[in-house]
Amino acid sequence: MYNSPKLDGDGPINAMKKRFLRFLLLFLTILGGDANIRKFHLHLYGSVRGSEGSDVLGRFPRASKAVCAAACLENARCLAMELCKDDECRITTGQLSPQGSNSTGPTCQLYRLENPCVEGYWDRVQGSCTQNLTRTLPANTCIDCRCLWGLLNLVLSAGESEFPLFNGKNVVCVITMTLTLIGPVFYQWTVIQRRTPRLIGGMTFDLGWNDYRDGFGSVYSDFWMGNEYIHQLTNISGNRHLQIEVIRVNGQQVKVDYLFSTESEEDGYRLHVTNIGGITPSDDPFTSGCLECANLMKFTTSDVDNDNNVTSNCADVSKGGWWHNACQRSNLNGRFGESDYRLGINWNGITDIFSVEMRVRQP
């Protein structure tokens, strides 16, 4: 039987013990070098009734997600963990009770270890795929990168992971760390757009309305996650903090932050942004109120013209869909290589762009 560490008690001494145990578990887990799971990710799969019986390997009263994840990584039989409403965390073998069981446990969120097997499940003890774990998992309900608990990535701040969402769409997650007075704080960003270095090529973003609505490209290179998905991210799951990172050809980095949302397709995925850092408001190509600024504009593509230019379609001119006005002081989807900012990719008139990324998280 797995003996879980006791985390009971209040007060500053016990709080310090909890914090020490959390980091000790995290770092000892990594230093232990479990070769069977070099890529350790726990994905949120949905709500279940708390497991009972032999599949429960350990119980953690009032444990944080980090402590529970570290304990799962430490136990080679662990393939899942459950975070329950009674503040108990359980690490389990991942075998769920069949539907219709008489389980009376509390409602829990089930996180399951990433499964690399084409068929069956990964057996960490044997270091191979097995057919033994055959019971049905609940539907995947992930909509953004908050479903990902990438323990190794978080501890090492080693940036990036990919995994599937509930709708089959693959998503890229970037994990960043900020040091605060109470310790490191980790942020899980969902990447909604990426343009890879232009010197190695890349796909065209000169595409139509349906492509931009549904998304296109590859999470391993250039992509646009899709206006419908971006609308869901910002309005349903509250990922309203947008960060734009532009790398210029000379290596200079430009990073700006916004409160961000888009309306539905019925209103043309209209843009709403508020500047929260990284650029002087009077120079902001989104919000400064100029005739080329993007805020409050509907999305325009080469086949759907919602811009304010009376003589041409801005997306057709710059070869990329965007929240064009008349026309744009920003278009991160435009064609590379144009020195005239009106004819291609640019950020606030900057055209010597090497790469760009747009990502969102909850504020």
Protein backbone atom coordinates (compact mmCIF):
# COMPACT_ATOMS: atom_id res chain seq x y z
CA MET A 1 0.00 0.00 0.00
CA TYR A 2 1.30 3.42 -0.95
CA ASN A 3 1.73 5.70 2.08
CA SER A 4 0.91 9.29 1.24
CA PRO A 5 2.61 12.15 3.11
CA LYS A 6 0.49 13.81 5.78
CA LEU A 7 -0.26 17.45 5.06
CA ASP A 8 -2.63 18.17 7.94
CA GLY A 9 -2.30 21.20 10.16
CA ASP A 10 -2.34 24.95 9.90
CA GLY A 11 -0.02 27.78 10.85
CA PRO A 12 3.22 29.17 9.42
CA ILE A 13 5.38 26.17 10.42
CA ASN A 14 3.13 23.66 8.72
CA ALA A 15 2.73 25.98 5.74
CA MET A 16 6.51 26.06 5.36
CA LYS A 17 6.62 22.27 5.65
CA LYS A 18 4.02 21.94 2.91
CA ARG A 19 5.91 24.29 0.65
CA PHE A 20 9.18 22.46 1.30
CA LEU A 21 7.55 19.08 0.68
CA ARG A 22 6.04 20.32 -2.57
CA PHE A 23 9.36 21.44 -3.99
CA LEU A 24 11.20 18.44 -2.56
CA LEU A 25 8.79 16.07 -4.29
CA LEU A 26 9.08 17.97 -7.54
CA PHE A 27 12.85 18.02 -7.67
CA LEU A 28 13.43 14.54 -6.27
CA THR A 29 11.04 13.21 -8.88
CA ILE A 30 13.09 14.76 -11.65
CA LEU A 31 16.45 13.78 -10.19
CA GLY A 32 15.18 10.22 -9.87
CA GLY A 33 15.12 10.04 -13.66
CA ASP A 34 12.11 7.81 -14.37
CA ALA A 35 13.08 6.66 -17.87
CA ASN A 36 9.58 5.40 -18.61
CA ILE A 37 8.04 8.87 -18.62
CA ARG A 38 10.45 11.46 -19.91
CA LYS A 39 7.39 13.41 -21.04
CA PHE A 40 5.07 13.58 -18.03
CA HIS A 41 1.76 15.30 -18.69
CA LEU A 42 -1.55 14.90 -16.91
CA HIS A 43 -4.59 15.87 -19.00
CA LEU A 44 -7.96 16.85 -17.58
CA TYR A 45 -10.52 14.34 -18.89
CA GLY A 46 -13.68 15.37 -17.04
CA SER A 47 -15.64 14.82 -13.86
CA VAL A 48 -15.93 11.38 -12.26
CA ARG A 49 -17.07 9.93 -8.96
CA GLY A 50 -14.15 9.44 -6.63
CA SER A 51 -12.45 6.07 -7.06
CA GLU A 52 -12.75 3.43 -4.37
CA GLY A 53 -10.98 0.12 -3.97
CA SER A 54 -7.70 -1.37 -5.13
CA ASP A 55 -7.02 1.15 -7.89
CA VAL A 56 -6.42 3.93 -5.32
CA LEU A 57 -2.69 4.10 -4.63
CA GLY A 58 -2.59 7.05 -2.26
CA ARG A 59 -4.73 9.77 -0.67
CA PHE A 60 -3.60 13.33 0.02
CA PRO A 61 -5.77 15.48 2.32
CA ARG A 62 -5.63 19.17 1.39
CA ALA A 63 -2.81 18.56 -1.11
CA SER A 64 -2.00 20.91 -3.95
CA LYS A 65 -2.08 19.76 -7.54
CA ALA A 66 1.72 19.92 -7.64
CA VAL A 67 2.15 17.62 -4.64
CA CYS A 68 -0.36 15.13 -5.99
CA ALA A 69 1.24 15.14 -9.45
CA ALA A 70 4.68 14.61 -7.94
CA ALA A 71 3.40 11.66 -5.92
CA CYS A 72 1.87 10.13 -9.06
CA LEU A 73 5.15 10.49 -10.88
CA GLU A 74 6.95 8.86 -7.95
CA ASN A 75 4.71 5.77 -8.02
CA ALA A 76 5.28 3.64 -11.14
CA ARG A 77 1.75 2.19 -10.97
CA CYS A 78 0.12 5.62 -11.09
CA LEU A 79 -1.58 6.59 -14.37
CA ALA A 80 -4.11 9.13 -13.09
CA MET A 81 -5.03 11.45 -10.26
CA GLU A 82 -8.36 12.76 -8.98
CA LEU A 83 -8.90 16.20 -7.44
CA CYS A 84 -12.08 15.97 -5.38
CA LYS A 85 -14.48 18.54 -4.00
CA ASP A 86 -13.69 17.48 -0.44
CA ASP A 87 -10.09 18.74 -1.07
CA GLU A 88 -8.72 15.24 -1.19
CA CYS A 89 -6.38 14.24 -3.98
CA ARG A 90 -6.03 10.59 -4.94
CA ILE A 91 -3.46 8.93 -7.17
CA THR A 92 -4.81 5.86 -8.97
CA THR A 93 -4.04 3.17 -11.53
CA GLY A 94 -6.43 4.87 -13.93
CA GLN A 95 -8.95 2.03 -13.99
CA LEU A 96 -12.39 3.57 -13.60
CA SER A 97 -15.41 1.85 -12.16
CA PRO A 98 -17.82 0.84 -14.95
CA GLN A 99 -20.88 2.99 -15.55
CA GLY A 100 -23.73 2.14 -13.24
CA SER A 101 -21.45 1.26 -10.33
CA ASN A 102 -22.54 2.01 -6.79
CA SER A 103 -19.64 4.37 -6.13
CA THR A 104 -20.63 6.97 -3.55
CA GLY A 105 -17.39 8.93 -3.60
CA PRO A 106 -17.31 12.71 -4.08
CA THR A 107 -17.29 14.35 -7.51
CA CYS A 108 -13.70 14.70 -8.71
CA GLN A 109 -11.78 16.03 -11.68
CA LEU A 110 -9.88 13.23 -13.37
CA TYR A 111 -6.40 13.93 -14.74
CA ARG A 112 -4.87 11.10 -16.73
CA LEU A 113 -1.27 10.50 -17.78
CA GLU A 114 -0.52 11.17 -21.41
CA ASN A 115 -0.88 7.91 -23.35
CA PRO A 116 1.80 7.30 -26.05
CA CYS A 117 0.33 3.95 -27.15
CA VAL A 118 -1.48 3.50 -30.47
CA GLU A 119 -3.55 0.72 -28.85
CA GLY A 120 -3.97 0.03 -25.15
CA TYR A 121 -2.28 2.00 -22.37
CA TRP A 122 1.23 2.70 -21.18
CA ASP A 123 2.47 0.37 -18.41
CA ARG A 124 5.10 2.34 -16.52
CA VAL A 125 6.26 -0.70 -14.55
CA GLN A 126 6.96 -2.77 -17.68
CA GLY A 127 7.91 0.21 -19.83
CA SER A 128 5.60 -0.91 -22.65
CA CYS A 129 2.04 -0.73 -23.95
CA THR A 130 -0.56 -3.07 -22.48
CA GLN A 131 -4.17 -4.03 -23.11
CA ASN A 132 -4.93 -4.53 -19.42
CA LEU A 133 -6.40 -1.08 -18.79
CA THR A 134 -9.50 -1.32 -20.96
CA ARG A 135 -12.25 0.44 -19.02
CA THR A 136 -13.90 3.44 -20.62
CA LEU A 137 -12.59 6.93 -19.89
CA PRO A 138 -14.94 9.92 -19.70
CA ALA A 139 -15.04 12.24 -22.68
CA ASN A 140 -12.12 14.62 -23.06
CA THR A 141 -13.44 18.07 -22.07
CA CYS A 142 -10.26 20.12 -22.59
CA ILE A 143 -10.72 23.50 -24.30
CA ASP A 144 -7.40 25.18 -23.46
CA CYS A 145 -3.99 24.69 -21.88
CA ARG A 146 -5.27 24.80 -18.31
CA CYS A 147 -6.00 21.09 -18.81
CA LEU A 148 -2.29 20.42 -19.08
CA TRP A 149 -0.30 19.77 -15.95
CA GLY A 150 3.19 19.37 -17.38
CA LEU A 151 5.23 18.72 -14.25
CA LEU A 152 8.66 18.57 -15.84
CA ASN A 153 7.95 21.57 -18.04
CA LEU A 154 6.76 23.59 -15.08
CA VAL A 155 9.73 22.87 -12.87
CA LEU A 156 12.32 23.37 -15.59
CA SER A 157 10.45 26.23 -17.30
CA ALA A 158 11.04 24.35 -20.54
CA GLY A 159 8.40 26.03 -22.51
CA GLU A 160 6.22 24.01 -24.81
CA SER A 161 3.88 21.03 -25.24
CA GLU A 162 1.21 19.86 -27.67
CA PHE A 163 -1.92 17.82 -26.91
CA PRO A 164 -5.43 17.23 -28.32
CA LEU A 165 -8.57 19.08 -27.26
CA PHE A 166 -12.10 17.70 -26.89
CA ASN A 167 -12.91 18.53 -30.53
CA GLY A 168 -9.86 16.76 -31.95
CA LYS A 169 -7.99 20.03 -32.54
CA ASN A 170 -4.35 19.97 -31.46
CA VAL A 171 -3.18 22.89 -29.35
CA VAL A 172 0.24 24.31 -28.47
CA CYS A 173 0.88 25.28 -24.84
CA VAL A 174 3.67 27.60 -23.74
CA ILE A 175 4.53 27.58 -20.05
CA THR A 176 6.22 30.63 -18.53
CA MET A 177 7.40 31.36 -15.01
CA THR A 178 7.44 34.61 -13.06
CA LEU A 179 9.25 34.93 -9.73
CA THR A 180 7.22 36.65 -7.00
CA LEU A 181 7.72 37.31 -3.28
CA ILE A 182 5.85 34.09 -2.46
CA GLY A 183 7.76 31.99 -4.99
CA PRO A 184 7.50 31.09 -8.68
CA VAL A 185 4.17 31.54 -10.48
CA PHE A 186 3.57 29.50 -13.62
CA TYR A 187 1.32 30.57 -16.51
CA GLN A 188 -0.13 28.22 -19.12
CA TRP A 189 -0.63 30.02 -22.43
CA THR A 190 -2.67 28.66 -25.34
CA VAL A 191 -1.02 29.69 -28.62
CA ILE A 192 -3.56 30.96 -31.17
CA GLN A 193 -1.17 32.03 -33.96
CA ARG A 194 2.43 31.40 -34.94
CA ARG A 195 4.60 32.39 -37.87
CA THR A 196 7.91 30.55 -37.97
CA PRO A 197 11.20 32.11 -39.12
CA ARG A 198 10.73 33.31 -42.68
CA LEU A 199 14.23 32.20 -43.69
CA ILE A 200 13.07 28.56 -43.68
CA GLY A 201 9.85 29.29 -45.50
CA GLY A 202 6.32 28.83 -44.26
CA MET A 203 2.78 28.44 -45.46
CA THR A 204 0.74 31.23 -46.99
CA PHE A 205 -1.83 32.98 -44.79
CA ASP A 206 -3.59 34.43 -47.85
CA LEU A 207 -6.68 32.28 -47.28
CA GLY A 208 -10.44 32.70 -47.19
CA TRP A 209 -13.09 33.19 -44.52
CA ASN A 210 -13.79 29.51 -43.86
CA ASP A 211 -10.10 28.74 -43.41
CA TYR A 212 -9.70 31.52 -40.88
CA ARG A 213 -12.93 30.52 -39.13
CA ASP A 214 -11.96 26.85 -38.74
CA GLY A 215 -8.18 27.24 -38.43
CA PHE A 216 -5.32 26.03 -40.60
CA GLY A 217 -1.66 25.05 -40.58
CA SER A 218 0.38 22.75 -38.32
CA VAL A 219 1.11 23.14 -34.61
CA TYR A 220 4.68 22.17 -35.48
CA SER A 221 5.20 25.18 -37.76
CA ASP A 222 2.83 27.94 -38.96
CA PHE A 223 -0.81 28.01 -37.87
CA TRP A 224 -3.93 30.01 -37.08
CA MET A 225 -6.09 28.23 -34.49
CA GLY A 226 -9.35 29.53 -35.95
CA ASN A 227 -11.62 32.49 -35.26
CA GLU A 228 -14.39 30.29 -33.87
CA TYR A 229 -12.01 28.66 -31.40
CA ILE A 230 -10.53 32.06 -30.46
CA HIS A 231 -14.07 33.32 -29.80
CA GLN A 232 -14.68 30.31 -27.50
CA LEU A 233 -11.36 30.81 -25.72
CA THR A 234 -12.00 34.45 -24.93
CA ASN A 235 -15.73 34.33 -24.20
CA ILE A 236 -16.42 30.86 -22.75
CA SER A 237 -13.23 29.89 -20.92
CA GLY A 238 -12.11 33.44 -20.12
CA ASN A 239 -8.68 33.43 -21.80
CA ARG A 240 -8.71 37.20 -22.24
CA HIS A 241 -5.05 38.05 -21.62
CA LEU A 242 -3.42 38.26 -25.05
CA GLN A 243 0.34 38.46 -25.42
CA ILE A 244 1.94 39.23 -28.78
CA GLU A 245 5.61 38.45 -29.24
CA VAL A 246 7.39 39.72 -32.36
CA ILE A 247 11.04 38.90 -33.13
CA ARG A 248 12.71 41.21 -35.63
CA VAL A 249 15.40 40.12 -38.09
CA ASN A 250 18.06 41.84 -35.94
CA GLY A 251 16.97 39.76 -32.92
CA GLN A 252 15.09 42.55 -31.13
CA GLN A 253 12.04 41.29 -29.25
CA VAL A 254 8.78 43.24 -29.07
CA LYS A 255 6.25 42.00 -26.51
CA VAL A 256 2.88 43.63 -25.78
CA ASP A 257 -0.10 42.61 -23.64
CA TYR A 258 -3.84 43.21 -23.97
CA LEU A 259 -7.18 42.33 -22.52
CA PHE A 260 -8.69 40.68 -25.57
CA SER A 261 -11.89 39.13 -26.88
CA THR A 262 -13.70 38.58 -30.16
CA GLU A 263 -17.39 38.45 -30.96
CA SER A 264 -19.15 35.60 -32.76
CA GLU A 265 -19.20 34.89 -36.48
CA GLU A 266 -22.58 36.65 -36.74
CA ASP A 267 -20.78 39.90 -35.90
CA GLY A 268 -17.73 39.12 -37.99
CA TYR A 269 -15.48 38.12 -35.05
CA ARG A 270 -15.26 41.79 -34.10
CA LEU A 271 -12.13 42.63 -32.06
CA HIS A 272 -12.14 44.12 -28.55
CA VAL A 273 -8.76 44.98 -26.98
CA THR A 274 -7.45 47.10 -24.10
CA ASN A 275 -3.76 47.93 -23.79
CA ILE A 276 -2.28 46.61 -20.51
CA GLY A 277 1.45 46.87 -21.16
CA GLY A 278 4.44 46.85 -23.46
CA ILE A 279 3.62 49.81 -25.68
CA THR A 280 2.69 53.46 -25.23
CA PRO A 281 -1.09 53.80 -25.75
CA SER A 282 -0.65 56.66 -28.23
CA ASP A 283 1.55 54.39 -30.40
CA ASP A 284 -0.64 51.29 -30.13
CA PRO A 285 -1.61 49.89 -33.56
CA PHE A 286 -4.66 48.25 -31.98
CA THR A 287 -6.15 50.90 -29.73
CA SER A 288 -4.80 54.41 -30.44
CA GLY A 289 -7.82 55.34 -32.55
CA CYS A 290 -6.10 55.82 -35.89
CA LEU A 291 -7.77 55.05 -39.22
CA GLU A 292 -5.52 52.01 -39.57
CA CYS A 293 -6.01 50.69 -36.01
CA ALA A 294 -7.67 47.32 -35.45
CA ASN A 295 -9.78 47.70 -32.31
CA LEU A 296 -13.55 47.26 -32.84
CA MET A 297 -13.05 46.07 -36.41
CA LYS A 298 -14.61 42.95 -37.88
CA PHE A 299 -12.32 40.32 -39.38
CA THR A 300 -11.59 40.64 -43.11
CA THR A 301 -10.34 37.98 -45.52
CA SER A 302 -9.73 38.03 -49.26
CA ASP A 303 -13.27 36.77 -49.90
CA VAL A 304 -15.14 38.65 -47.11
CA ASP A 305 -14.47 42.39 -47.03
CA ASN A 306 -15.38 43.97 -43.67
CA ASP A 307 -12.76 46.74 -43.69
CA ASN A 308 -13.22 50.49 -44.01
CA ASN A 309 -11.16 50.92 -47.17
CA VAL A 310 -13.54 52.06 -49.94
CA THR A 311 -11.17 51.35 -52.82
CA SER A 312 -9.75 47.87 -52.09
CA ASN A 313 -9.87 44.81 -49.86
CA CYS A 314 -7.06 45.18 -47.29
CA ALA A 315 -6.67 41.42 -46.84
CA ASP A 316 -6.20 41.02 -50.57
CA VAL A 317 -3.61 43.82 -50.67
CA SER A 318 -1.57 42.56 -47.68
CA LYS A 319 -2.15 38.84 -48.40
CA GLY A 320 -3.53 37.91 -45.00
CA GLY A 321 -6.76 37.96 -43.01
CA TRP A 322 -6.90 40.39 -40.06
CA TRP A 323 -9.02 42.95 -38.25
CA HIS A 324 -8.33 45.43 -41.04
CA ASN A 325 -9.48 49.01 -40.79
CA ALA A 326 -8.42 51.29 -43.68
CA CYS A 327 -6.04 49.48 -43.95
CA GLN A 328 -3.70 48.38 -41.11
CA ARG A 329 -0.89 49.40 -38.81
CA SER A 330 -0.74 45.77 -37.77
CA ASN A 331 -1.22 42.54 -39.69
CA LEU A 332 0.59 39.54 -38.26
CA ASN A 333 -0.92 37.29 -40.93
CA GLY A 334 0.38 39.24 -43.93
CA ARG A 335 2.94 38.26 -46.53
CA PHE A 336 6.61 38.24 -45.48
CA GLY A 337 9.23 40.30 -47.27
CA GLU A 338 7.40 43.56 -48.01
CA SER A 339 9.16 46.79 -47.00
CA ASP A 340 5.91 48.78 -47.32
CA TYR A 341 3.93 47.95 -44.17
CA ARG A 342 0.65 48.28 -46.08
CA LEU A 343 1.52 45.34 -48.36
CA GLY A 344 2.35 42.55 -45.90
CA ILE A 345 3.17 41.42 -42.39
CA ASN A 346 3.83 44.28 -39.98
CA TRP A 347 3.50 45.34 -36.38
CA ASN A 348 3.09 49.06 -35.82
CA GLY A 349 4.73 49.66 -39.17
CA ILE A 350 7.66 47.30 -38.45
CA THR A 351 8.16 45.00 -41.45
CA ASP A 352 11.53 43.29 -40.77
CA ILE A 353 9.77 40.53 -38.82
CA PHE A 354 11.54 37.20 -38.36
CA SER A 355 8.83 35.38 -36.37
CA VAL A 356 5.67 36.09 -34.38
CA GLU A 357 3.45 34.39 -31.83
CA MET A 358 0.07 35.26 -30.31
CA ARG A 359 -0.99 33.45 -27.13
CA VAL A 360 -3.73 33.78 -24.52
CA ARG A 361 -4.40 32.82 -20.90
CA GLN A 362 -6.78 33.77 -18.13
CA PRO A 363 -5.93 37.19 -16.58
